[in-house]
Amino acid sequence: MSAVNITNVTVLDNPAAFLNPFQFEISYECLIPLADDLEWKLTYVGSAEDETYDQLLESVLVGPVNVGNYRFVFQADPPDPSKIRDEDIIGVTVLLLTCSYMGQEFIRVGYYVNNDYDDEQLREEPPPRVLIDRVQRNILADKPRVTKFPINFHPETNENSGEPPPSPDHSTAEQKAPDAPN
């Protein structure tokens, strides 16, 4: 059982212009007091073939974390289009929202993002160079991919146990995010 449960993630300002900031309202509950902060990260996957195009958009520490329910708006700048190949800007990509505790990732919420022109004529006859100010992104918020990883929320209790780090809990990888319709 996890010490922290994500109870809801709502994508705000969606669809939006490609250059608008990303905004997520995140709700979670903490079942035990934690000694350290939670680290939330948002990563934009710039290319399906080459992870060197991935961009960490924002990383924030949230704490202190005591027993209770929490909610905050996580905002991140858009990806830098100059660091994405033109052929990878238009089309489908992935956005990863992750949360870690003491360097251990325990949840990853992946969203497909469809980037396309905001004008039918531009979609039918794309210009030779991407017109980034005319690109609109649509996060497919109703179909997130949630993966949970078992971690030790009290690593000081078995620092020298010699046990290998836990592997991902694939049994929950197919589970929908709490805000997804049933």
N, C-alpha and C. Protein backbone atom coordinates (compact mmCIF):
# COMPACT_ATOMS: atom_id res chain seq x y z
N MET A 1 0.84 -1.18 0.00
CA MET A 1 0.00 0.00 0.00
C MET A 1 0.89 1.24 0.00
N SER A 2 0.51 2.20 -0.78
CA SER A 2 1.28 3.44 -0.91
C SER A 2 0.91 4.41 0.21
N ALA A 3 1.89 5.19 0.64
CA ALA A 3 1.66 6.22 1.65
C ALA A 3 0.98 7.44 1.04
N VAL A 4 1.07 7.57 -0.29
CA VAL A 4 0.47 8.71 -1.00
C VAL A 4 -0.37 8.16 -2.14
N ASN A 5 -1.62 8.60 -2.21
CA ASN A 5 -2.51 8.19 -3.30
C ASN A 5 -2.96 9.42 -4.07
N ILE A 6 -2.80 9.37 -5.37
CA ILE A 6 -3.30 10.44 -6.24
C ILE A 6 -4.80 10.21 -6.38
N THR A 7 -5.61 11.18 -5.99
CA THR A 7 -7.06 11.01 -6.04
C THR A 7 -7.69 11.63 -7.28
N ASN A 8 -7.01 12.62 -7.89
CA ASN A 8 -7.56 13.24 -9.09
C ASN A 8 -6.48 14.08 -9.78
N VAL A 9 -6.50 14.03 -11.10
CA VAL A 9 -5.67 14.93 -11.91
C VAL A 9 -6.60 15.50 -12.97
N THR A 10 -6.71 16.83 -12.99
CA THR A 10 -7.54 17.50 -13.98
C THR A 10 -6.64 18.35 -14.88
N VAL A 11 -6.75 18.14 -16.18
CA VAL A 11 -6.00 18.94 -17.13
C VAL A 11 -6.76 20.23 -17.34
N LEU A 12 -6.12 21.35 -17.09
CA LEU A 12 -6.74 22.67 -17.26
C LEU A 12 -6.30 23.27 -18.60
N ASP A 13 -7.10 24.22 -19.12
CA ASP A 13 -6.76 24.92 -20.36
C ASP A 13 -6.43 23.93 -21.47
N ASN A 14 -7.40 23.12 -21.82
CA ASN A 14 -7.20 22.08 -22.82
C ASN A 14 -8.43 21.97 -23.70
N PRO A 15 -8.28 22.01 -25.03
CA PRO A 15 -7.06 22.23 -25.81
C PRO A 15 -6.56 23.67 -25.66
N ALA A 16 -5.30 23.86 -26.09
CA ALA A 16 -4.66 25.17 -25.95
C ALA A 16 -3.63 25.35 -27.05
N ALA A 17 -3.19 26.57 -27.22
CA ALA A 17 -2.11 26.84 -28.16
C ALA A 17 -0.86 26.10 -27.68
N PHE A 18 -0.05 25.66 -28.63
CA PHE A 18 1.17 24.91 -28.32
C PHE A 18 2.06 25.67 -27.35
N LEU A 19 2.12 26.99 -27.48
CA LEU A 19 3.02 27.81 -26.67
C LEU A 19 2.44 28.26 -25.33
N ASN A 20 1.21 27.82 -25.01
CA ASN A 20 0.61 28.12 -23.70
C ASN A 20 1.24 27.23 -22.63
N PRO A 21 1.28 27.71 -21.39
CA PRO A 21 1.78 26.84 -20.30
C PRO A 21 0.83 25.66 -20.08
N PHE A 22 1.38 24.56 -19.58
CA PHE A 22 0.59 23.41 -19.17
C PHE A 22 0.10 23.67 -17.75
N GLN A 23 -1.14 23.22 -17.45
CA GLN A 23 -1.68 23.36 -16.11
C GLN A 23 -2.45 22.10 -15.72
N PHE A 24 -2.12 21.59 -14.55
CA PHE A 24 -2.80 20.41 -14.01
C PHE A 24 -3.22 20.71 -12.58
N GLU A 25 -4.47 20.40 -12.24
CA GLU A 25 -4.89 20.46 -10.85
C GLU A 25 -4.74 19.05 -10.30
N ILE A 26 -3.88 18.91 -9.31
CA ILE A 26 -3.55 17.60 -8.75
C ILE A 26 -4.08 17.51 -7.33
N SER A 27 -4.82 16.43 -7.06
CA SER A 27 -5.32 16.16 -5.71
C SER A 27 -4.73 14.83 -5.25
N TYR A 28 -4.29 14.80 -4.00
CA TYR A 28 -3.74 13.56 -3.46
C TYR A 28 -3.98 13.51 -1.97
N GLU A 29 -3.86 12.30 -1.44
CA GLU A 29 -3.99 12.11 0.00
C GLU A 29 -2.72 11.45 0.52
N CYS A 30 -2.35 11.83 1.72
CA CYS A 30 -1.21 11.24 2.38
C CYS A 30 -1.72 10.47 3.60
N LEU A 31 -1.34 9.20 3.70
CA LEU A 31 -1.86 8.34 4.77
C LEU A 31 -0.96 8.30 5.99
N ILE A 32 0.33 8.68 5.81
CA ILE A 32 1.27 8.74 6.94
C ILE A 32 2.11 10.00 6.76
N PRO A 33 2.58 10.60 7.83
CA PRO A 33 3.44 11.78 7.67
C PRO A 33 4.77 11.38 7.02
N LEU A 34 5.25 12.23 6.14
CA LEU A 34 6.50 11.95 5.42
C LEU A 34 7.60 12.91 5.89
N ALA A 35 8.81 12.40 5.96
CA ALA A 35 9.94 13.19 6.44
C ALA A 35 10.47 14.15 5.39
N ASP A 36 10.17 13.89 4.12
CA ASP A 36 10.72 14.70 3.03
C ASP A 36 9.60 15.17 2.11
N ASP A 37 9.95 16.08 1.18
CA ASP A 37 8.98 16.60 0.22
C ASP A 37 8.72 15.60 -0.90
N LEU A 38 7.60 15.80 -1.59
CA LEU A 38 7.30 15.07 -2.81
C LEU A 38 7.84 15.89 -3.98
N GLU A 39 8.38 15.21 -4.98
CA GLU A 39 8.89 15.90 -6.17
C GLU A 39 7.99 15.54 -7.36
N TRP A 40 7.37 16.57 -7.93
CA TRP A 40 6.51 16.42 -9.10
C TRP A 40 7.28 16.91 -10.33
N LYS A 41 7.20 16.15 -11.42
CA LYS A 41 7.88 16.54 -12.66
C LYS A 41 6.93 16.40 -13.84
N LEU A 42 7.14 17.26 -14.83
CA LEU A 42 6.40 17.16 -16.08
C LEU A 42 7.42 17.11 -17.21
N THR A 43 7.34 16.05 -18.03
CA THR A 43 8.28 15.84 -19.12
C THR A 43 7.52 15.73 -20.44
N TYR A 44 8.01 16.45 -21.45
CA TYR A 44 7.45 16.41 -22.81
C TYR A 44 8.35 15.51 -23.65
N VAL A 45 7.76 14.49 -24.28
CA VAL A 45 8.51 13.58 -25.13
C VAL A 45 8.58 14.19 -26.52
N GLY A 46 9.77 14.62 -26.91
CA GLY A 46 9.96 15.32 -28.18
C GLY A 46 10.09 14.42 -29.39
N SER A 47 10.41 13.14 -29.18
CA SER A 47 10.55 12.21 -30.29
C SER A 47 10.36 10.79 -29.77
N ALA A 48 9.60 10.00 -30.51
CA ALA A 48 9.36 8.61 -30.12
C ALA A 48 10.63 7.76 -30.31
N GLU A 49 11.52 8.20 -31.19
CA GLU A 49 12.71 7.42 -31.50
C GLU A 49 13.94 7.80 -30.69
N ASP A 50 13.97 9.00 -30.10
CA ASP A 50 15.20 9.49 -29.49
C ASP A 50 14.89 10.30 -28.24
N GLU A 51 15.21 9.73 -27.08
CA GLU A 51 14.87 10.40 -25.83
C GLU A 51 15.71 11.65 -25.56
N THR A 52 16.74 11.90 -26.34
CA THR A 52 17.51 13.14 -26.15
C THR A 52 16.68 14.37 -26.49
N TYR A 53 15.54 14.18 -27.17
CA TYR A 53 14.64 15.30 -27.47
C TYR A 53 13.61 15.54 -26.38
N ASP A 54 13.60 14.68 -25.35
CA ASP A 54 12.68 14.88 -24.22
C ASP A 54 13.07 16.15 -23.48
N GLN A 55 12.06 16.87 -22.97
CA GLN A 55 12.31 18.10 -22.24
C GLN A 55 11.63 18.04 -20.88
N LEU A 56 12.41 18.23 -19.83
CA LEU A 56 11.84 18.37 -18.50
C LEU A 56 11.29 19.79 -18.42
N LEU A 57 9.96 19.91 -18.35
CA LEU A 57 9.33 21.23 -18.39
C LEU A 57 9.30 21.90 -17.03
N GLU A 58 9.14 21.11 -15.97
CA GLU A 58 9.08 21.68 -14.63
C GLU A 58 9.31 20.58 -13.61
N SER A 59 9.92 20.96 -12.51
CA SER A 59 10.11 20.08 -11.37
C SER A 59 9.87 20.92 -10.12
N VAL A 60 8.93 20.48 -9.27
CA VAL A 60 8.63 21.23 -8.05
C VAL A 60 8.63 20.29 -6.85
N LEU A 61 9.06 20.83 -5.72
CA LEU A 61 9.00 20.11 -4.46
C LEU A 61 7.79 20.60 -3.69
N VAL A 62 7.00 19.66 -3.15
CA VAL A 62 5.80 20.01 -2.40
C VAL A 62 5.92 19.38 -1.02
N GLY A 63 5.81 20.21 -0.01
CA GLY A 63 5.90 19.70 1.34
C GLY A 63 5.78 20.84 2.33
N PRO A 64 5.75 20.59 3.60
CA PRO A 64 5.81 19.28 4.23
C PRO A 64 4.54 18.47 3.96
N VAL A 65 4.67 17.17 4.07
CA VAL A 65 3.53 16.30 3.77
C VAL A 65 3.15 15.55 5.05
N ASN A 66 2.05 15.98 5.64
CA ASN A 66 1.49 15.31 6.81
C ASN A 66 0.26 14.53 6.38
N VAL A 67 -0.35 13.82 7.29
CA VAL A 67 -1.57 13.08 6.98
C VAL A 67 -2.66 14.07 6.57
N GLY A 68 -3.33 13.78 5.46
CA GLY A 68 -4.42 14.64 5.02
C GLY A 68 -4.57 14.66 3.52
N ASN A 69 -5.49 15.51 3.06
CA ASN A 69 -5.77 15.67 1.64
C ASN A 69 -5.16 16.98 1.16
N TYR A 70 -4.62 16.94 -0.07
CA TYR A 70 -3.94 18.10 -0.63
C TYR A 70 -4.40 18.32 -2.06
N ARG A 71 -4.32 19.60 -2.49
CA ARG A 71 -4.64 19.94 -3.88
C ARG A 71 -3.81 21.16 -4.25
N PHE A 72 -3.25 21.14 -5.48
CA PHE A 72 -2.51 22.29 -5.97
C PHE A 72 -2.56 22.30 -7.49
N VAL A 73 -2.26 23.46 -8.07
CA VAL A 73 -2.18 23.58 -9.53
C VAL A 73 -0.71 23.57 -9.90
N PHE A 74 -0.36 22.60 -10.74
CA PHE A 74 1.00 22.44 -11.24
C PHE A 74 1.05 23.08 -12.61
N GLN A 75 1.88 24.11 -12.76
CA GLN A 75 1.99 24.81 -14.03
C GLN A 75 3.41 24.67 -14.55
N ALA A 76 3.54 24.46 -15.86
CA ALA A 76 4.84 24.31 -16.50
C ALA A 76 4.86 25.04 -17.82
N ASP A 77 6.01 25.60 -18.15
CA ASP A 77 6.17 26.23 -19.46
C ASP A 77 6.02 25.20 -20.56
N PRO A 78 5.65 25.63 -21.77
CA PRO A 78 5.56 24.69 -22.89
C PRO A 78 6.96 24.25 -23.30
N PRO A 79 7.05 23.20 -24.11
CA PRO A 79 8.37 22.78 -24.58
C PRO A 79 8.96 23.84 -25.51
N ASP A 80 10.27 23.86 -25.60
CA ASP A 80 10.98 24.76 -26.50
C ASP A 80 10.93 24.14 -27.90
N PRO A 81 10.18 24.73 -28.84
CA PRO A 81 10.04 24.12 -30.16
C PRO A 81 11.37 24.03 -30.92
N SER A 82 12.34 24.88 -30.58
CA SER A 82 13.63 24.82 -31.27
C SER A 82 14.41 23.55 -30.91
N LYS A 83 13.98 22.86 -29.84
CA LYS A 83 14.64 21.62 -29.42
C LYS A 83 13.89 20.38 -29.89
N ILE A 84 12.90 20.58 -30.76
CA ILE A 84 12.12 19.47 -31.32
C ILE A 84 12.28 19.53 -32.84
N ARG A 85 12.52 18.38 -33.44
CA ARG A 85 12.63 18.34 -34.90
C ARG A 85 11.28 18.73 -35.51
N ASP A 86 11.31 19.49 -36.61
CA ASP A 86 10.07 19.94 -37.26
C ASP A 86 9.11 18.78 -37.53
N GLU A 87 9.65 17.66 -37.98
CA GLU A 87 8.78 16.52 -38.32
C GLU A 87 8.11 15.89 -37.09
N ASP A 88 8.59 16.25 -35.88
CA ASP A 88 8.00 15.69 -34.66
C ASP A 88 7.06 16.66 -33.94
N ILE A 89 6.93 17.88 -34.44
CA ILE A 89 6.06 18.85 -33.76
C ILE A 89 4.59 18.54 -34.04
N ILE A 90 4.24 18.35 -35.30
CA ILE A 90 2.86 18.02 -35.66
C ILE A 90 2.66 16.51 -35.51
N GLY A 91 1.57 16.13 -34.87
CA GLY A 91 1.29 14.71 -34.67
C GLY A 91 1.09 14.39 -33.20
N VAL A 92 1.25 13.12 -32.88
CA VAL A 92 0.98 12.64 -31.52
C VAL A 92 2.29 12.43 -30.78
N THR A 93 2.30 12.87 -29.53
CA THR A 93 3.44 12.63 -28.65
C THR A 93 2.92 12.31 -27.25
N VAL A 94 3.80 12.34 -26.27
CA VAL A 94 3.44 11.93 -24.91
C VAL A 94 3.91 12.98 -23.92
N LEU A 95 3.11 13.16 -22.88
CA LEU A 95 3.43 14.03 -21.76
C LEU A 95 3.43 13.15 -20.51
N LEU A 96 4.49 13.23 -19.69
CA LEU A 96 4.60 12.39 -18.49
C LEU A 96 4.59 13.24 -17.23
N LEU A 97 3.63 12.98 -16.36
CA LEU A 97 3.55 13.61 -15.06
C LEU A 97 3.98 12.55 -14.05
N THR A 98 5.04 12.84 -13.28
CA THR A 98 5.55 11.85 -12.33
C THR A 98 5.64 12.45 -10.94
N CYS A 99 5.63 11.57 -9.95
CA CYS A 99 5.83 11.99 -8.57
C CYS A 99 6.82 11.02 -7.93
N SER A 100 7.79 11.60 -7.19
CA SER A 100 8.83 10.82 -6.52
C SER A 100 8.92 11.24 -5.06
N TYR A 101 9.42 10.29 -4.28
CA TYR A 101 9.71 10.58 -2.87
C TYR A 101 11.12 10.09 -2.59
N MET A 102 11.98 10.99 -2.14
CA MET A 102 13.37 10.69 -1.84
C MET A 102 14.05 9.98 -3.02
N GLY A 103 13.82 10.52 -4.21
CA GLY A 103 14.45 9.99 -5.42
C GLY A 103 13.83 8.73 -5.98
N GLN A 104 12.73 8.27 -5.39
CA GLN A 104 12.06 7.05 -5.85
C GLN A 104 10.73 7.42 -6.51
N GLU A 105 10.62 7.20 -7.81
CA GLU A 105 9.36 7.47 -8.50
C GLU A 105 8.34 6.43 -8.09
N PHE A 106 7.14 6.91 -7.69
CA PHE A 106 6.11 5.94 -7.29
C PHE A 106 4.85 6.02 -8.13
N ILE A 107 4.72 7.05 -8.96
CA ILE A 107 3.58 7.09 -9.89
C ILE A 107 3.98 7.87 -11.13
N ARG A 108 3.46 7.40 -12.26
CA ARG A 108 3.67 8.06 -13.56
C ARG A 108 2.33 8.07 -14.27
N VAL A 109 1.91 9.27 -14.68
CA VAL A 109 0.68 9.41 -15.44
C VAL A 109 1.08 9.91 -16.83
N GLY A 110 0.82 9.09 -17.83
CA GLY A 110 1.18 9.44 -19.20
C GLY A 110 -0.05 9.84 -19.99
N TYR A 111 0.08 10.92 -20.74
CA TYR A 111 -1.01 11.40 -21.58
C TYR A 111 -0.53 11.48 -23.02
N TYR A 112 -1.37 11.04 -23.95
CA TYR A 112 -1.11 11.32 -25.36
C TYR A 112 -1.48 12.76 -25.62
N VAL A 113 -0.69 13.41 -26.46
CA VAL A 113 -0.93 14.80 -26.85
C VAL A 113 -0.96 14.85 -28.37
N ASN A 114 -2.03 15.41 -28.91
CA ASN A 114 -2.11 15.57 -30.36
C ASN A 114 -1.86 17.04 -30.70
N ASN A 115 -0.84 17.28 -31.50
CA ASN A 115 -0.50 18.63 -31.95
C ASN A 115 -0.88 18.75 -33.42
N ASP A 116 -1.68 19.76 -33.73
CA ASP A 116 -2.10 19.97 -35.12
C ASP A 116 -2.38 21.45 -35.32
N TYR A 117 -2.50 21.84 -36.58
CA TYR A 117 -2.79 23.24 -36.89
C TYR A 117 -4.22 23.58 -36.47
N ASP A 118 -4.42 24.84 -36.11
CA ASP A 118 -5.73 25.31 -35.67
C ASP A 118 -6.63 25.69 -36.85
N ASP A 119 -6.16 25.48 -38.07
CA ASP A 119 -6.88 25.88 -39.28
C ASP A 119 -6.96 24.70 -40.25
N GLU A 120 -8.15 24.44 -40.77
CA GLU A 120 -8.37 23.31 -41.68
C GLU A 120 -7.46 23.38 -42.91
N GLN A 121 -7.31 24.56 -43.48
CA GLN A 121 -6.48 24.69 -44.68
C GLN A 121 -5.02 24.35 -44.38
N LEU A 122 -4.52 24.77 -43.23
CA LEU A 122 -3.14 24.43 -42.85
C LEU A 122 -2.99 22.93 -42.58
N ARG A 123 -4.05 22.30 -42.06
CA ARG A 123 -4.00 20.85 -41.83
C ARG A 123 -3.95 20.10 -43.16
N GLU A 124 -4.73 20.58 -44.14
CA GLU A 124 -4.77 19.92 -45.45
C GLU A 124 -3.54 20.20 -46.29
N GLU A 125 -3.00 21.42 -46.19
CA GLU A 125 -1.81 21.80 -46.95
C GLU A 125 -0.78 22.41 -46.00
N PRO A 126 -0.05 21.55 -45.26
CA PRO A 126 0.92 22.07 -44.29
C PRO A 126 2.03 22.88 -44.98
N PRO A 127 2.44 23.96 -44.36
CA PRO A 127 3.52 24.76 -44.92
C PRO A 127 4.85 24.00 -44.81
N PRO A 128 5.85 24.40 -45.60
CA PRO A 128 7.14 23.69 -45.56
C PRO A 128 7.83 23.78 -44.19
N ARG A 129 7.69 24.90 -43.48
CA ARG A 129 8.21 25.05 -42.12
C ARG A 129 7.02 25.17 -41.17
N VAL A 130 7.15 24.56 -40.01
CA VAL A 130 6.06 24.59 -39.03
C VAL A 130 5.80 26.02 -38.56
N LEU A 131 4.54 26.40 -38.59
CA LEU A 131 4.12 27.70 -38.05
C LEU A 131 3.68 27.46 -36.60
N ILE A 132 4.64 27.55 -35.68
CA ILE A 132 4.41 27.15 -34.30
C ILE A 132 3.30 27.95 -33.63
N ASP A 133 3.13 29.21 -34.02
CA ASP A 133 2.08 30.02 -33.41
C ASP A 133 0.68 29.64 -33.89
N ARG A 134 0.59 28.73 -34.86
CA ARG A 134 -0.71 28.23 -35.34
C ARG A 134 -0.97 26.78 -34.91
N VAL A 135 -0.04 26.21 -34.14
CA VAL A 135 -0.19 24.83 -33.67
C VAL A 135 -0.97 24.82 -32.36
N GLN A 136 -1.94 23.91 -32.30
CA GLN A 136 -2.76 23.73 -31.12
C GLN A 136 -2.50 22.34 -30.56
N ARG A 137 -2.40 22.24 -29.24
CA ARG A 137 -2.21 20.93 -28.61
C ARG A 137 -3.51 20.51 -27.94
N ASN A 138 -3.76 19.22 -27.98
CA ASN A 138 -4.93 18.65 -27.32
C ASN A 138 -4.45 17.45 -26.50
N ILE A 139 -4.47 17.59 -25.18
CA ILE A 139 -4.09 16.49 -24.30
C ILE A 139 -5.29 15.56 -24.18
N LEU A 140 -5.08 14.29 -24.48
CA LEU A 140 -6.17 13.32 -24.39
C LEU A 140 -6.35 12.93 -22.91
N ALA A 141 -6.96 13.84 -22.17
CA ALA A 141 -7.05 13.75 -20.72
C ALA A 141 -7.93 12.61 -20.23
N ASP A 142 -8.84 12.13 -21.06
CA ASP A 142 -9.74 11.06 -20.62
C ASP A 142 -9.13 9.67 -20.79
N LYS A 143 -7.91 9.58 -21.32
CA LYS A 143 -7.28 8.28 -21.52
C LYS A 143 -5.84 8.25 -21.01
N PRO A 144 -5.63 8.59 -19.73
CA PRO A 144 -4.26 8.56 -19.22
C PRO A 144 -3.78 7.13 -19.01
N ARG A 145 -2.49 6.95 -19.01
CA ARG A 145 -1.87 5.66 -18.71
C ARG A 145 -1.20 5.82 -17.35
N VAL A 146 -1.70 5.14 -16.34
CA VAL A 146 -1.20 5.27 -14.98
C VAL A 146 -0.36 4.04 -14.63
N THR A 147 0.86 4.29 -14.17
CA THR A 147 1.74 3.22 -13.71
C THR A 147 2.17 3.55 -12.30
N LYS A 148 2.00 2.58 -11.40
CA LYS A 148 2.41 2.76 -10.01
C LYS A 148 3.63 1.88 -9.75
N PHE A 149 4.55 2.41 -8.95
CA PHE A 149 5.75 1.69 -8.59
C PHE A 149 5.79 1.55 -7.07
N PRO A 150 5.98 0.32 -6.56
CA PRO A 150 6.09 0.19 -5.10
C PRO A 150 7.45 0.74 -4.66
N ILE A 151 7.43 1.61 -3.65
CA ILE A 151 8.68 2.15 -3.11
C ILE A 151 8.65 2.05 -1.60
N ASN A 152 9.78 2.30 -1.00
CA ASN A 152 9.88 2.32 0.45
C ASN A 152 9.77 3.77 0.89
N PHE A 153 8.68 4.12 1.54
CA PHE A 153 8.48 5.48 2.01
C PHE A 153 9.28 5.77 3.29
N HIS A 154 9.92 4.75 3.84
CA HIS A 154 10.79 4.92 5.02
C HIS A 154 12.10 4.19 4.75
N PRO A 155 12.93 4.68 3.81
CA PRO A 155 14.16 3.96 3.45
C PRO A 155 15.15 3.83 4.60
N GLU A 156 15.06 4.68 5.60
CA GLU A 156 15.99 4.59 6.72
C GLU A 156 15.77 3.31 7.53
N THR A 157 14.61 2.66 7.40
CA THR A 157 14.32 1.46 8.19
C THR A 157 15.00 0.22 7.63
N ASN A 158 15.39 0.23 6.35
CA ASN A 158 16.09 -0.95 5.81
C ASN A 158 17.19 -0.54 4.85
N GLU A 159 17.93 0.53 5.22
CA GLU A 159 19.02 1.01 4.37
C GLU A 159 20.04 -0.08 4.06
N ASN A 160 20.38 -0.87 5.05
CA ASN A 160 21.45 -1.86 4.88
C ASN A 160 20.91 -3.28 4.74
N SER A 161 19.69 -3.41 4.29
CA SER A 161 19.11 -4.75 4.18
C SER A 161 19.64 -5.51 2.99
N GLY A 162 20.25 -4.81 2.02
CA GLY A 162 20.79 -5.49 0.86
C GLY A 162 19.74 -5.91 -0.14
N GLU A 163 18.50 -5.51 0.07
CA GLU A 163 17.45 -5.89 -0.87
C GLU A 163 17.55 -5.05 -2.13
N PRO A 164 17.27 -5.65 -3.30
CA PRO A 164 17.28 -4.87 -4.54
C PRO A 164 16.11 -3.91 -4.55
N PRO A 165 16.20 -2.83 -5.35
CA PRO A 165 15.08 -1.89 -5.42
C PRO A 165 13.85 -2.59 -5.99
N PRO A 166 12.66 -2.15 -5.60
CA PRO A 166 11.43 -2.79 -6.08
C PRO A 166 11.25 -2.56 -7.58
N SER A 167 10.58 -3.52 -8.21
CA SER A 167 10.28 -3.38 -9.63
C SER A 167 8.90 -2.76 -9.80
N PRO A 168 8.58 -2.25 -11.01
CA PRO A 168 7.27 -1.63 -11.22
C PRO A 168 6.13 -2.61 -10.96
N ASP A 169 5.05 -2.10 -10.45
CA ASP A 169 3.83 -2.88 -10.22
C ASP A 169 3.01 -2.85 -11.50
N HIS A 170 3.22 -3.85 -12.33
CA HIS A 170 2.55 -3.87 -13.63
C HIS A 170 1.07 -4.20 -13.52
N SER A 171 0.64 -4.69 -12.37
CA SER A 171 -0.77 -5.04 -12.23
C SER A 171 -1.66 -3.81 -12.28
N THR A 172 -1.12 -2.63 -11.98
CA THR A 172 -1.94 -1.43 -12.00
C THR A 172 -1.68 -0.58 -13.24
N ALA A 173 -0.83 -1.03 -14.13
CA ALA A 173 -0.47 -0.22 -15.29
C ALA A 173 -1.66 0.04 -16.21
N GLU A 174 -2.64 -0.81 -16.18
CA GLU A 174 -3.80 -0.64 -17.06
C GLU A 174 -4.90 0.19 -16.41
N GLN A 175 -4.74 0.49 -15.15
CA GLN A 175 -5.76 1.21 -14.39
C GLN A 175 -5.89 2.64 -14.89
N LYS A 176 -7.12 3.13 -14.94
CA LYS A 176 -7.35 4.52 -15.37
C LYS A 176 -7.07 5.48 -14.23
N ALA A 177 -6.70 6.69 -14.57
CA ALA A 177 -6.51 7.73 -13.56
C ALA A 177 -7.84 8.01 -12.90
N PRO A 178 -7.78 8.51 -11.69
CA PRO A 178 -9.03 8.73 -10.93
C PRO A 178 -10.03 9.65 -11.63
N ASP A 179 -9.58 10.56 -12.50
CA ASP A 179 -10.52 11.48 -13.12
C ASP A 179 -11.09 10.92 -14.43
N ALA A 180 -10.64 9.74 -14.83
CA ALA A 180 -11.12 9.18 -16.09
C ALA A 180 -12.53 8.64 -15.91
N PRO A 181 -13.38 8.83 -16.92
CA PRO A 181 -14.74 8.30 -16.80
C PRO A 181 -14.74 6.78 -16.79
N ASN A 182 -15.66 6.19 -16.05
CA ASN A 182 -15.75 4.71 -15.99
C ASN A 182 -16.57 4.16 -17.12
